């Protein structure tokens, strides 16, 4: 607020004039406070000088600045107060002054953002949003002890542009308004691993946590559903609490090269089963090669479960060679 303004100075001088006749007590060791932080609405003598006692200490001088504001009393102002109350202090020079600061609670940019995010969530049926403000709102100062709640006076948004505008005010001082504008973006919960995992580890529900991400930062290659992680294994070591790419996991290998597997063939004409030997490792859904022990024929198959593969009907693939009753 700077130095004493005319209105405050007028009030100060009036208070001094009224109090001069009452100031009969002499004081010792009275000194200006240099800086004084107060949390009341009026400046009194003891806010300005230390060592003042009795009725003079609580005598009104001037209105206090608004919460968070300051008022500077010059060497001249201090001399007038000292003389009026017979404090016995005189300045050593013209640069002496006292800064009175009104204590406050600060309603910050973060408080404003949080209120706007809640407002947007209410407007969008509970969806969550990240709010960014244009520029840096100055925020608000409210009286010490008052709440930091923010009131939304007016609010509008443009879904196509992802922008909003609002008029906000502290609930403790609703007439102290500020216009703000900014952008908003939906927040998505993305499943992540809560502990580092290596190739071959099988991911379970207990290995999964979630992080919030702006929807504009979520790529189509990221896994966004926990079901696409559970039961899978990393292709390589994965860090914790990081988005997981779909290409970074696969189903665990349930068939190893050289194992005996059951081959099945199902069609409208037949259902056949036979024993074969896997020529590759693989997981459910993988294509592998299987050797028919009877014919030594290498057959292409798809893994359908533990030690079980499905082969193609010979009507669809005439290159396949089968033995009667088996494959």
C-alpha atoms as a PDB file:
ATOM      1  CA  UNK A   1       0.000   0.000   0.000  1.00  0.00           C
ATOM      2  CA  UNK A   2       3.052   2.285   0.377  1.00  0.00           C
ATOM      3  CA  UNK A   3       3.098   5.347   2.601  1.00  0.00           C
ATOM      4  CA  UNK A   4       0.161   6.656   4.554  1.00  0.00           C
ATOM      5  CA  UNK A   5      -2.546   7.841   2.154  1.00  0.00           C
ATOM      6  CA  UNK A   6      -4.451  11.096   2.691  1.00  0.00           C
ATOM      7  CA  UNK A   7      -7.559   9.473   4.132  1.00  0.00           C
ATOM      8  CA  UNK A   8      -5.577   7.391   6.612  1.00  0.00           C
ATOM      9  CA  UNK A   9      -3.345  10.338   7.520  1.00  0.00           C
ATOM     10  CA  UNK A  10      -6.382  12.514   8.165  1.00  0.00           C
ATOM     11  CA  UNK A  11      -7.757   9.833  10.489  1.00  0.00           C
ATOM     12  CA  UNK A  12      -4.383   9.533  12.182  1.00  0.00           C
ATOM     13  CA  UNK A  13      -4.008  13.272  12.785  1.00  0.00           C
ATOM     14  CA  UNK A  14      -7.575  13.514  14.064  1.00  0.00           C
ATOM     15  CA  UNK A  15      -6.891  10.715  16.532  1.00  0.00           C
ATOM     16  CA  UNK A  16      -3.719  12.464  17.653  1.00  0.00           C
ATOM     17  CA  UNK A  17      -5.504  15.785  18.162  1.00  0.00           C
ATOM     18  CA  UNK A  18      -8.211  14.137  20.254  1.00  0.00           C
ATOM     19  CA  UNK A  19      -5.723  12.225  22.360  1.00  0.00           C
ATOM     20  CA  UNK A  20      -3.197  14.983  23.137  1.00  0.00           C
ATOM     21  CA  UNK A  21      -5.081  16.217  26.150  1.00  0.00           C
ATOM     22  CA  UNK A  22      -5.143  12.657  27.549  1.00  0.00           C
ATOM     23  CA  UNK A  23      -1.434  12.030  27.134  1.00  0.00           C
ATOM     24  CA  UNK A  24       0.046  12.891  30.501  1.00  0.00           C
ATOM     25  CA  UNK A  25       2.059   9.785  31.302  1.00  0.00           C
ATOM     26  CA  UNK A  26       5.779   9.781  30.480  1.00  0.00           C
ATOM     27  CA  UNK A  27       7.406   6.613  29.161  1.00  0.00           C
ATOM     28  CA  UNK A  28      10.961   5.300  29.096  1.00  0.00           C
ATOM     29  CA  UNK A  29      12.673   3.035  26.565  1.00  0.00           C
ATOM     30  CA  UNK A  30      10.008   3.559  23.919  1.00  0.00           C
ATOM     31  CA  UNK A  31      11.148   2.635  20.393  1.00  0.00           C
ATOM     32  CA  UNK A  32       9.439   2.322  16.987  1.00  0.00           C
ATOM     33  CA  UNK A  33       8.871  -1.293  15.974  1.00  0.00           C
ATOM     34  CA  UNK A  34      10.194  -0.867  12.395  1.00  0.00           C
ATOM     35  CA  UNK A  35       7.881  -3.694  11.220  1.00  0.00           C
ATOM     36  CA  UNK A  36       4.615  -4.569  12.920  1.00  0.00           C
ATOM     37  CA  UNK A  37       2.258  -7.381  11.873  1.00  0.00           C
ATOM     38  CA  UNK A  38      -1.281  -7.021  13.176  1.00  0.00           C
ATOM     39  CA  UNK A  39      -4.472  -9.022  12.712  1.00  0.00           C
ATOM     40  CA  UNK A  40      -7.056  -6.444  13.804  1.00  0.00           C
ATOM     41  CA  UNK A  41      -8.941  -3.725  11.956  1.00  0.00           C
ATOM     42  CA  UNK A  42      -7.489  -0.646  13.706  1.00  0.00           C
ATOM     43  CA  UNK A  43      -3.942   0.526  14.374  1.00  0.00           C
ATOM     44  CA  UNK A  44      -3.260   1.394  17.998  1.00  0.00           C
ATOM     45  CA  UNK A  45      -0.222   3.005  19.651  1.00  0.00           C
ATOM     46  CA  UNK A  46       1.305  -0.297  20.805  1.00  0.00           C
ATOM     47  CA  UNK A  47       1.288  -1.504  17.177  1.00  0.00           C
ATOM     48  CA  UNK A  48       3.733   1.301  16.359  1.00  0.00           C
ATOM     49  CA  UNK A  49       5.891   1.677  19.492  1.00  0.00           C
ATOM     50  CA  UNK A  50       7.239  -0.892  21.922  1.00  0.00           C
ATOM     51  CA  UNK A  51       7.396  -0.077  25.629  1.00  0.00           C
ATOM     52  CA  UNK A  52       4.030   1.728  25.748  1.00  0.00           C
ATOM     53  CA  UNK A  53       1.715   0.665  28.616  1.00  0.00           C
ATOM     54  CA  UNK A  54      -1.553   1.706  30.145  1.00  0.00           C
ATOM     55  CA  UNK A  55      -4.493   3.331  28.292  1.00  0.00           C
ATOM     56  CA  UNK A  56      -2.214   4.886  25.684  1.00  0.00           C
ATOM     57  CA  UNK A  57      -1.140   1.467  24.422  1.00  0.00           C
ATOM     58  CA  UNK A  58      -4.604   0.645  23.068  1.00  0.00           C
ATOM     59  CA  UNK A  59      -5.466   4.125  21.834  1.00  0.00           C
ATOM     60  CA  UNK A  60      -6.800   4.215  18.258  1.00  0.00           C
ATOM     61  CA  UNK A  61      -4.577   5.857  15.623  1.00  0.00           C
ATOM     62  CA  UNK A  62      -5.890   4.901  12.167  1.00  0.00           C
ATOM     63  CA  UNK A  63      -7.667   2.178  10.197  1.00  0.00           C
ATOM     64  CA  UNK A  64      -5.516  -0.865   9.533  1.00  0.00           C
ATOM     65  CA  UNK A  65      -4.748  -1.724   5.905  1.00  0.00           C
ATOM     66  CA  UNK A  66      -6.750  -4.417   4.194  1.00  0.00           C
ATOM     67  CA  UNK A  67      -5.677  -8.037   4.907  1.00  0.00           C
ATOM     68  CA  UNK A  68      -2.312  -8.591   3.244  1.00  0.00           C
ATOM     69  CA  UNK A  69      -1.754  -4.841   2.785  1.00  0.00           C
ATOM     70  CA  UNK A  70       0.787  -2.519   4.362  1.00  0.00           C
ATOM     71  CA  UNK A  71       0.830   1.021   5.722  1.00  0.00           C
ATOM     72  CA  UNK A  72       4.078   2.971   6.196  1.00  0.00           C
ATOM     73  CA  UNK A  73       4.381   5.608   8.910  1.00  0.00           C
ATOM     74  CA  UNK A  74       7.121   8.135   8.189  1.00  0.00           C
ATOM     75  CA  UNK A  75       9.532   9.751  10.631  1.00  0.00           C
ATOM     76  CA  UNK A  76       7.181  12.745  10.704  1.00  0.00           C
ATOM     77  CA  UNK A  77       4.191  10.505  11.568  1.00  0.00           C
ATOM     78  CA  UNK A  78       6.160   8.816  14.350  1.00  0.00           C
ATOM     79  CA  UNK A  79       7.207  12.165  15.802  1.00  0.00           C
ATOM     80  CA  UNK A  80       3.581  13.329  15.900  1.00  0.00           C
ATOM     81  CA  UNK A  81       2.508  10.155  17.706  1.00  0.00           C
ATOM     82  CA  UNK A  82       5.374  10.354  20.206  1.00  0.00           C
ATOM     83  CA  UNK A  83       4.605  13.997  20.939  1.00  0.00           C
ATOM     84  CA  UNK A  84       0.851  13.446  21.270  1.00  0.00           C
ATOM     85  CA  UNK A  85       1.269  10.633  23.801  1.00  0.00           C
ATOM     86  CA  UNK A  86       4.332  12.034  25.593  1.00  0.00           C
ATOM     87  CA  UNK A  87       6.336   8.927  24.647  1.00  0.00           C
ATOM     88  CA  UNK A  88       9.675  10.707  24.864  1.00  0.00           C
ATOM     89  CA  UNK A  89      10.971   9.415  21.540  1.00  0.00           C
ATOM     90  CA  UNK A  90      12.546  11.647  18.905  1.00  0.00           C
ATOM     91  CA  UNK A  91      13.900  10.530  15.516  1.00  0.00           C
ATOM     92  CA  UNK A  92      17.628  10.323  14.852  1.00  0.00           C
ATOM     93  CA  UNK A  93      17.059  11.057  11.187  1.00  0.00           C
ATOM     94  CA  UNK A  94      14.417  11.539   8.539  1.00  0.00           C
ATOM     95  CA  UNK A  95      14.611   7.946   7.218  1.00  0.00           C
ATOM     96  CA  UNK A  96      13.104   6.274  10.258  1.00  0.00           C
ATOM     97  CA  UNK A  97       9.744   4.639   9.596  1.00  0.00           C
ATOM     98  CA  UNK A  98       7.420   1.829  10.707  1.00  0.00           C
ATOM     99  CA  UNK A  99       5.737  -0.571   8.301  1.00  0.00           C
ATOM    100  CA  UNK A 100       2.377  -1.891   9.519  1.00  0.00           C
ATOM    101  CA  UNK A 101       1.313  -5.115   7.776  1.00  0.00           C
ATOM    102  CA  UNK A 102      -2.135  -6.648   8.166  1.00  0.00           C
ATOM    103  CA  UNK A 103      -1.909 -10.409   8.636  1.00  0.00           C
ATOM    104  CA  UNK A 104      -4.000 -12.521   6.272  1.00  0.00           C
ATOM    105  CA  UNK A 105      -4.790 -15.922   4.878  1.00  0.00           C
ATOM    106  CA  UNK A 106      -3.716 -16.153   1.242  1.00  0.00           C
ATOM    107  CA  UNK A 107      -6.145 -17.626  -1.278  1.00  0.00           C
ATOM    108  CA  UNK A 108      -3.641 -18.766  -3.896  1.00  0.00           C
ATOM    109  CA  UNK A 109      -3.718 -19.687  -7.563  1.00  0.00           C
ATOM    110  CA  UNK A 110      -3.816 -23.347  -6.511  1.00  0.00           C
ATOM    111  CA  UNK A 111      -6.925 -22.730  -4.421  1.00  0.00           C
ATOM    112  CA  UNK A 112      -8.589 -21.063  -7.418  1.00  0.00           C
ATOM    113  CA  UNK A 113      -7.582 -23.933  -9.720  1.00  0.00           C
ATOM    114  CA  UNK A 114      -8.955 -26.516  -7.309  1.00  0.00           C
ATOM    115  CA  UNK A 115     -12.303 -24.709  -7.074  1.00  0.00           C
ATOM    116  CA  UNK A 116     -12.560 -24.445 -10.861  1.00  0.00           C
ATOM    117  CA  UNK A 117     -11.646 -28.130 -11.314  1.00  0.00           C
ATOM    118  CA  UNK A 118     -14.424 -29.074  -8.863  1.00  0.00           C
ATOM    119  CA  UNK A 119     -16.855 -26.832 -10.740  1.00  0.00           C
ATOM    120  CA  UNK A 120     -15.915 -28.462 -14.050  1.00  0.00           C
ATOM    121  CA  UNK A 121     -16.314 -31.914 -12.474  1.00  0.00           C
ATOM    122  CA  UNK A 122     -19.824 -30.990 -11.320  1.00  0.00           C
ATOM    123  CA  UNK A 123     -20.674 -29.694 -14.804  1.00  0.00           C
ATOM    124  CA  UNK A 124     -19.444 -32.943 -16.423  1.00  0.00           C
ATOM    125  CA  UNK A 125     -21.211 -35.503 -14.204  1.00  0.00           C
ATOM    126  CA  UNK A 126     -18.216 -36.400 -12.085  1.00  0.00           C
ATOM    127  CA  UNK A 127     -15.510 -36.588 -14.783  1.00  0.00           C
ATOM    128  CA  UNK A 128     -12.188 -35.195 -13.607  1.00  0.00           C
ATOM    129  CA  UNK A 129     -10.250 -32.433 -15.319  1.00  0.00           C
ATOM    130  CA  UNK A 130      -6.868 -30.743 -15.237  1.00  0.00           C
ATOM    131  CA  UNK A 131      -7.217 -26.964 -15.134  1.00  0.00           C
ATOM    132  CA  UNK A 132      -4.621 -24.483 -16.386  1.00  0.00           C
ATOM    133  CA  UNK A 133      -5.092 -20.742 -15.984  1.00  0.00           C
ATOM    134  CA  UNK A 134      -4.103 -18.064 -18.464  1.00  0.00           C
ATOM    135  CA  UNK A 135      -1.493 -15.873 -16.814  1.00  0.00           C
ATOM    136  CA  UNK A 136      -1.105 -15.773 -13.060  1.00  0.00           C
ATOM    137  CA  UNK A 137      -4.157 -14.618 -11.075  1.00  0.00           C
ATOM    138  CA  UNK A 138      -3.202 -12.354  -8.220  1.00  0.00           C
ATOM    139  CA  UNK A 139      -5.181 -14.401  -5.713  1.00  0.00           C
ATOM    140  CA  UNK A 140      -6.803 -12.933  -2.622  1.00  0.00           C
ATOM    141  CA  UNK A 141      -5.977 -11.906   0.917  1.00  0.00           C
ATOM    142  CA  UNK A 142      -8.654 -12.633   3.514  1.00  0.00           C
ATOM    143  CA  UNK A 143      -8.617 -11.855   7.237  1.00  0.00           C
ATOM    144  CA  UNK A 144      -6.477 -14.034   9.460  1.00  0.00           C
ATOM    145  CA  UNK A 145      -8.527 -17.034  10.574  1.00  0.00           C
ATOM    146  CA  UNK A 146     -10.992 -16.761   7.699  1.00  0.00           C
ATOM    147  CA  UNK A 147     -11.447 -19.780   5.428  1.00  0.00           C
ATOM    148  CA  UNK A 148      -9.703 -20.072   2.065  1.00  0.00           C
ATOM    149  CA  UNK A 149     -12.771 -21.325   0.195  1.00  0.00           C
ATOM    150  CA  UNK A 150     -13.296 -19.884  -3.293  1.00  0.00           C
ATOM    151  CA  UNK A 151     -16.743 -18.919  -4.568  1.00  0.00           C
ATOM    152  CA  UNK A 152     -17.529 -19.249  -8.294  1.00  0.00           C
ATOM    153  CA  UNK A 153     -19.607 -16.189  -9.183  1.00  0.00           C
ATOM    154  CA  UNK A 154     -20.054 -17.120 -12.864  1.00  0.00           C
ATOM    155  CA  UNK A 155     -18.708 -19.905 -15.058  1.00  0.00           C
ATOM    156  CA  UNK A 156     -18.891 -20.880 -18.733  1.00  0.00           C
ATOM    157  CA  UNK A 157     -16.891 -23.224 -20.958  1.00  0.00           C
ATOM    158  CA  UNK A 158     -16.422 -24.127 -24.620  1.00  0.00           C
ATOM    159  CA  UNK A 159     -16.175 -27.936 -25.144  1.00  0.00           C
ATOM    160  CA  UNK A 160     -14.936 -27.554 -28.722  1.00  0.00           C
ATOM    161  CA  UNK A 161     -12.022 -25.327 -27.746  1.00  0.00           C
ATOM    162  CA  UNK A 162     -11.460 -26.766 -24.259  1.00  0.00           C
ATOM    163  CA  UNK A 163     -11.506 -23.277 -22.724  1.00  0.00           C
ATOM    164  CA  UNK A 164     -13.393 -21.665 -19.854  1.00  0.00           C
ATOM    165  CA  UNK A 165     -13.971 -18.266 -18.277  1.00  0.00           C
ATOM    166  CA  UNK A 166     -15.087 -17.479 -14.745  1.00  0.00           C
ATOM    167  CA  UNK A 167     -15.489 -14.795 -12.112  1.00  0.00           C
ATOM    168  CA  UNK A 168     -14.248 -15.928  -8.707  1.00  0.00           C
ATOM    169  CA  UNK A 169     -14.086 -14.469  -5.208  1.00  0.00           C
ATOM    170  CA  UNK A 170     -13.026 -15.646  -1.766  1.00  0.00           C
ATOM    171  CA  UNK A 171     -16.036 -16.878   0.203  1.00  0.00           C
ATOM    172  CA  UNK A 172     -14.851 -14.701   3.107  1.00  0.00           C
ATOM    173  CA  UNK A 173     -14.921 -11.562   0.923  1.00  0.00           C
ATOM    174  CA  UNK A 174     -17.426 -12.171  -1.920  1.00  0.00           C
ATOM    175  CA  UNK A 175     -17.214  -8.592  -3.192  1.00  0.00           C
ATOM    176  CA  UNK A 176     -13.496  -8.979  -3.969  1.00  0.00           C
ATOM    177  CA  UNK A 177     -13.851 -10.578  -7.412  1.00  0.00           C
ATOM    178  CA  UNK A 178     -11.394 -11.523 -10.139  1.00  0.00           C
ATOM    179  CA  UNK A 179     -11.954 -12.652 -13.731  1.00  0.00           C
ATOM    180  CA  UNK A 180      -9.984 -15.722 -14.843  1.00  0.00           C
ATOM    181  CA  UNK A 181      -9.722 -17.665 -18.085  1.00  0.00           C
ATOM    182  CA  UNK A 182      -7.953 -20.876 -18.961  1.00  0.00           C
ATOM    183  CA  UNK A 183      -8.048 -24.321 -20.511  1.00  0.00           C
ATOM    184  CA  UNK A 184      -9.239 -27.688 -19.273  1.00  0.00           C
ATOM    185  CA  UNK A 185      -8.440 -31.285 -20.204  1.00  0.00           C
ATOM    186  CA  UNK A 186     -10.032 -34.561 -19.093  1.00  0.00           C
ATOM    187  CA  UNK A 187      -8.046 -36.774 -16.715  1.00  0.00           C
ATOM    188  CA  UNK A 188      -7.792 -40.537 -17.286  1.00  0.00           C
ATOM    189  CA  UNK A 189      -6.756 -43.205 -14.779  1.00  0.00           C
ATOM    190  CA  UNK A 190      -4.088 -45.382 -16.353  1.00  0.00           C
ATOM    191  CA  UNK A 191      -3.063 -48.779 -14.905  1.00  0.00           C
ATOM    192  CA  UNK A 192       0.647 -49.094 -14.084  1.00  0.00           C
ATOM    193  CA  UNK A 193       2.870 -51.592 -12.315  1.00  0.00           C
ATOM    194  CA  UNK A 194       3.412 -50.738  -8.647  1.00  0.00           C
ATOM    195  CA  UNK A 195       6.735 -52.591  -8.605  1.00  0.00           C
ATOM    196  CA  UNK A 196       9.408 -53.216 -11.260  1.00  0.00           C
ATOM    197  CA  UNK A 197       8.880 -56.500 -13.133  1.00  0.00           C
ATOM    198  CA  UNK A 198      11.082 -58.599 -15.400  1.00  0.00           C
ATOM    199  CA  UNK A 199      10.473 -60.783 -18.424  1.00  0.00           C
ATOM    200  CA  UNK A 200       8.818 -64.009 -17.331  1.00  0.00           C
ATOM    201  CA  UNK A 201       7.061 -62.473 -14.286  1.00  0.00           C
ATOM    202  CA  UNK A 202       3.295 -62.928 -14.456  1.00  0.00           C
ATOM    203  CA  UNK A 203       1.355 -59.731 -13.664  1.00  0.00           C
ATOM    204  CA  UNK A 204      -1.444 -60.091 -11.106  1.00  0.00           C
ATOM    205  CA  UNK A 205      -4.089 -57.668  -9.856  1.00  0.00           C
ATOM    206  CA  UNK A 206      -1.976 -56.940  -6.765  1.00  0.00           C
ATOM    207  CA  UNK A 207       0.867 -55.707  -9.015  1.00  0.00           C
ATOM    208  CA  UNK A 208      -1.300 -52.912 -10.464  1.00  0.00           C
ATOM    209  CA  UNK A 209      -1.785 -49.323  -9.328  1.00  0.00           C
ATOM    210  CA  UNK A 210      -3.115 -46.266 -11.188  1.00  0.00           C
ATOM    211  CA  UNK A 211      -1.812 -42.854 -12.212  1.00  0.00           C
ATOM    212  CA  UNK A 212      -3.700 -39.825 -13.497  1.00  0.00           C
ATOM    213  CA  UNK A 213      -2.835 -38.547 -16.967  1.00  0.00           C
ATOM    214  CA  UNK A 214      -4.214 -35.807 -19.174  1.00  0.00           C
ATOM    215  CA  UNK A 215      -6.199 -37.431 -21.973  1.00  0.00           C
ATOM    216  CA  UNK A 216      -4.090 -35.532 -24.509  1.00  0.00           C
ATOM    217  CA  UNK A 217      -1.009 -37.342 -23.154  1.00  0.00           C
ATOM    218  CA  UNK A 218      -2.540 -40.820 -23.438  1.00  0.00           C
ATOM    219  CA  UNK A 219      -1.471 -42.488 -26.683  1.00  0.00           C
ATOM    220  CA  UNK A 220      -3.261 -45.297 -28.503  1.00  0.00           C
ATOM    221  CA  UNK A 221      -0.261 -47.548 -27.851  1.00  0.00           C
ATOM    222  CA  UNK A 222      -0.681 -47.377 -24.048  1.00  0.00           C
ATOM    223  CA  UNK A 223      -2.540 -50.006 -22.055  1.00  0.00           C
ATOM    224  CA  UNK A 224      -5.558 -48.264 -20.517  1.00  0.00           C
ATOM    225  CA  UNK A 225      -7.386 -51.264 -18.995  1.00  0.00           C
ATOM    226  CA  UNK A 226      -6.035 -53.418 -16.179  1.00  0.00           C
ATOM    227  CA  UNK A 227      -7.459 -56.528 -17.864  1.00  0.00           C
ATOM    228  CA  UNK A 228      -4.853 -56.089 -20.595  1.00  0.00           C
ATOM    229  CA  UNK A 229      -2.088 -56.327 -17.984  1.00  0.00           C
ATOM    230  CA  UNK A 230      -3.349 -59.027 -15.634  1.00  0.00           C
ATOM    231  CA  UNK A 231      -2.111 -62.467 -16.626  1.00  0.00           C
ATOM    232  CA  UNK A 232       0.494 -61.055 -19.019  1.00  0.00           C
ATOM    233  CA  UNK A 233       4.268 -60.988 -18.688  1.00  0.00           C
ATOM    234  CA  UNK A 234       6.737 -58.248 -19.674  1.00  0.00           C
ATOM    235  CA  UNK A 235       8.770 -58.794 -22.822  1.00  0.00           C
ATOM    236  CA  UNK A 236      11.601 -56.991 -21.002  1.00  0.00           C
ATOM    237  CA  UNK A 237      12.145 -55.263 -17.669  1.00  0.00           C
ATOM    238  CA  UNK A 238       9.484 -52.640 -16.884  1.00  0.00           C
ATOM    239  CA  UNK A 239       9.723 -49.763 -14.408  1.00  0.00           C
ATOM    240  CA  UNK A 240       7.127 -49.088 -11.738  1.00  0.00           C
ATOM    241  CA  UNK A 241       4.550 -46.285 -11.952  1.00  0.00           C
ATOM    242  CA  UNK A 242       5.075 -45.723 -15.675  1.00  0.00           C
ATOM    243  CA  UNK A 243       2.487 -46.179 -18.456  1.00  0.00           C
ATOM    244  CA  UNK A 244       2.894 -49.574 -20.140  1.00  0.00           C
ATOM    245  CA  UNK A 245       2.897 -49.909 -23.910  1.00  0.00           C
ATOM    246  CA  UNK A 246       0.788 -52.727 -25.379  1.00  0.00           C
ATOM    247  CA  UNK A 247       3.865 -53.962 -27.222  1.00  0.00           C
ATOM    248  CA  UNK A 248       5.769 -54.319 -23.925  1.00  0.00           C
ATOM    249  CA  UNK A 249       3.755 -57.287 -22.611  1.00  0.00           C
ATOM    250  CA  UNK A 250       2.592 -60.637 -23.881  1.00  0.00           C
ATOM    251  CA  UNK A 251       0.825 -63.692 -22.590  1.00  0.00           C
ATOM    252  CA  UNK A 252       3.154 -66.055 -20.675  1.00  0.00           C
ATOM    253  CA  UNK A 253       4.605 -68.949 -22.652  1.00  0.00           C
ATOM    254  CA  UNK A 254       2.687 -72.083 -21.662  1.00  0.00           C
ATOM    255  CA  UNK A 255       4.263 -74.404 -24.224  1.00  0.00           C
ATOM    256  CA  UNK A 256       8.002 -75.008 -24.464  1.00  0.00           C
ATOM    257  CA  UNK A 257       9.887 -76.266 -27.480  1.00  0.00           C
ATOM    258  CA  UNK A 258      10.154 -80.074 -27.404  1.00  0.00           C
ATOM    259  CA  UNK A 259       7.081 -80.657 -25.188  1.00  0.00           C
ATOM    260  CA  UNK A 260       4.356 -83.084 -26.215  1.00  0.00           C
ATOM    261  CA  UNK A 261       1.081 -81.340 -27.010  1.00  0.00           C
ATOM    262  CA  UNK A 262      -2.446 -82.428 -27.877  1.00  0.00           C
ATOM    263  CA  UNK A 263      -3.410 -81.410 -31.393  1.00  0.00           C
ATOM    264  CA  UNK A 264      -7.128 -80.947 -32.087  1.00  0.00           C
ATOM    265  CA  UNK A 265      -8.976 -80.488 -35.336  1.00  0.00           C
ATOM    266  CA  UNK A 266     -12.630 -79.450 -35.388  1.00  0.00           C
ATOM    267  CA  UNK A 267     -14.750 -78.978 -38.482  1.00  0.00           C
ATOM    268  CA  UNK A 268     -18.256 -79.727 -39.684  1.00  0.00           C
ATOM    269  CA  UNK A 269     -16.980 -83.062 -40.951  1.00  0.00           C
ATOM    270  CA  UNK A 270     -14.731 -84.334 -38.177  1.00  0.00           C
ATOM    271  CA  UNK A 271     -13.199 -84.002 -34.735  1.00  0.00           C
ATOM    272  CA  UNK A 272      -9.725 -85.426 -34.437  1.00  0.00           C
ATOM    273  CA  UNK A 273      -7.075 -85.392 -31.744  1.00  0.00           C
ATOM    274  CA  UNK A 274      -3.477 -86.552 -31.829  1.00  0.00           C
ATOM    275  CA  UNK A 275      -0.227 -86.109 -29.963  1.00  0.00           C
ATOM    276  CA  UNK A 276       2.451 -83.881 -31.470  1.00  0.00           C
ATOM    277  CA  UNK A 277       5.739 -82.352 -30.453  1.00  0.00           C
ATOM    278  CA  UNK A 278       6.072 -78.571 -30.169  1.00  0.00           C
ATOM    279  CA  UNK A 279       8.815 -77.092 -32.330  1.00  0.00           C
ATOM    280  CA  UNK A 280       8.556 -73.595 -30.770  1.00  0.00           C
ATOM    281  CA  UNK A 281       7.831 -71.850 -27.491  1.00  0.00           C
ATOM    282  CA  UNK A 282       4.540 -69.977 -27.310  1.00  0.00           C
ATOM    283  CA  UNK A 283       1.677 -68.412 -25.369  1.00  0.00           C
ATOM    284  CA  UNK A 284      -2.072 -68.634 -25.864  1.00  0.00           C
ATOM    285  CA  UNK A 285      -2.918 -67.314 -29.324  1.00  0.00           C
ATOM    286  CA  UNK A 286       0.608 -67.750 -30.723  1.00  0.00           C
ATOM    287  CA  UNK A 287       1.264 -69.624 -33.970  1.00  0.00           C
ATOM    288  CA  UNK A 288       3.755 -72.431 -33.519  1.00  0.00           C
ATOM    289  CA  UNK A 289       4.992 -75.430 -35.485  1.00  0.00           C
ATOM    290  CA  UNK A 290       4.088 -78.911 -34.313  1.00  0.00           C
ATOM    291  CA  UNK A 291       5.528 -82.175 -35.665  1.00  0.00           C
ATOM    292  CA  UNK A 292       3.148 -85.094 -36.252  1.00  0.00           C
ATOM    293  CA  UNK A 293       5.127 -88.076 -34.872  1.00  0.00           C
ATOM    294  CA  UNK A 294       3.305 -90.521 -37.150  1.00  0.00           C
ATOM    295  CA  UNK A 295       3.989 -88.746 -40.418  1.00  0.00           C
ATOM    296  CA  UNK A 296       6.918 -86.530 -39.385  1.00  0.00           C
ATOM    297  CA  UNK A 297       4.925 -83.752 -41.017  1.00  0.00           C
ATOM    298  CA  UNK A 298       5.405 -80.225 -39.610  1.00  0.00           C
ATOM    299  CA  UNK A 299       2.005 -78.681 -39.032  1.00  0.00           C
ATOM    300  CA  UNK A 300       1.136 -75.057 -38.279  1.00  0.00           C
ATOM    301  CA  UNK A 301      -0.983 -74.716 -35.134  1.00  0.00           C
ATOM    302  CA  UNK A 302      -2.375 -72.142 -32.751  1.00  0.00           C
ATOM    303  CA  UNK A 303      -1.927 -72.508 -28.993  1.00  0.00           C
ATOM    304  CA  UNK A 304      -5.333 -72.693 -27.272  1.00  0.00           C
ATOM    305  CA  UNK A 305      -4.296 -73.698 -23.747  1.00  0.00           C
ATOM    306  CA  UNK A 306      -1.717 -75.598 -21.697  1.00  0.00           C
ATOM    307  CA  UNK A 307      -0.237 -78.358 -23.910  1.00  0.00           C
ATOM    308  CA  UNK A 308      -3.129 -77.899 -26.367  1.00  0.00           C
ATOM    309  CA  UNK A 309      -3.037 -76.619 -29.945  1.00  0.00           C
ATOM    310  CA  UNK A 310      -5.568 -76.311 -32.737  1.00  0.00           C
ATOM    311  CA  UNK A 311      -4.737 -77.180 -36.332  1.00  0.00           C
ATOM    312  CA  UNK A 312      -6.414 -76.191 -39.569  1.00  0.00           C
ATOM    313  CA  UNK A 313      -8.905 -78.438 -41.357  1.00  0.00           C
ATOM    314  CA  UNK A 314      -7.396 -80.306 -44.324  1.00  0.00           C
ATOM    315  CA  UNK A 315     -10.324 -79.089 -46.431  1.00  0.00           C
ATOM    316  CA  UNK A 316      -8.994 -75.564 -46.003  1.00  0.00           C
ATOM    317  CA  UNK A 317      -5.328 -76.461 -46.237  1.00  0.00           C
ATOM    318  CA  UNK A 318      -4.690 -79.312 -48.741  1.00  0.00           C
ATOM    319  CA  UNK A 319      -0.999 -79.202 -47.970  1.00  0.00           C
ATOM    320  CA  UNK A 320      -1.587 -80.765 -44.568  1.00  0.00           C
ATOM    321  CA  UNK A 321      -1.013 -84.531 -44.394  1.00  0.00           C
ATOM    322  CA  UNK A 322      -3.036 -86.627 -41.968  1.00  0.00           C
ATOM    323  CA  UNK A 323      -3.016 -90.281 -41.027  1.00  0.00           C
ATOM    324  CA  UNK A 324      -6.375 -92.029 -40.780  1.00  0.00           C
ATOM    325  CA  UNK A 325      -7.787 -91.717 -37.307  1.00  0.00           C
ATOM    326  CA  UNK A 326      -4.939 -89.493 -36.213  1.00  0.00           C
ATOM    327  CA  UNK A 327      -3.079 -86.615 -37.741  1.00  0.00           C
END
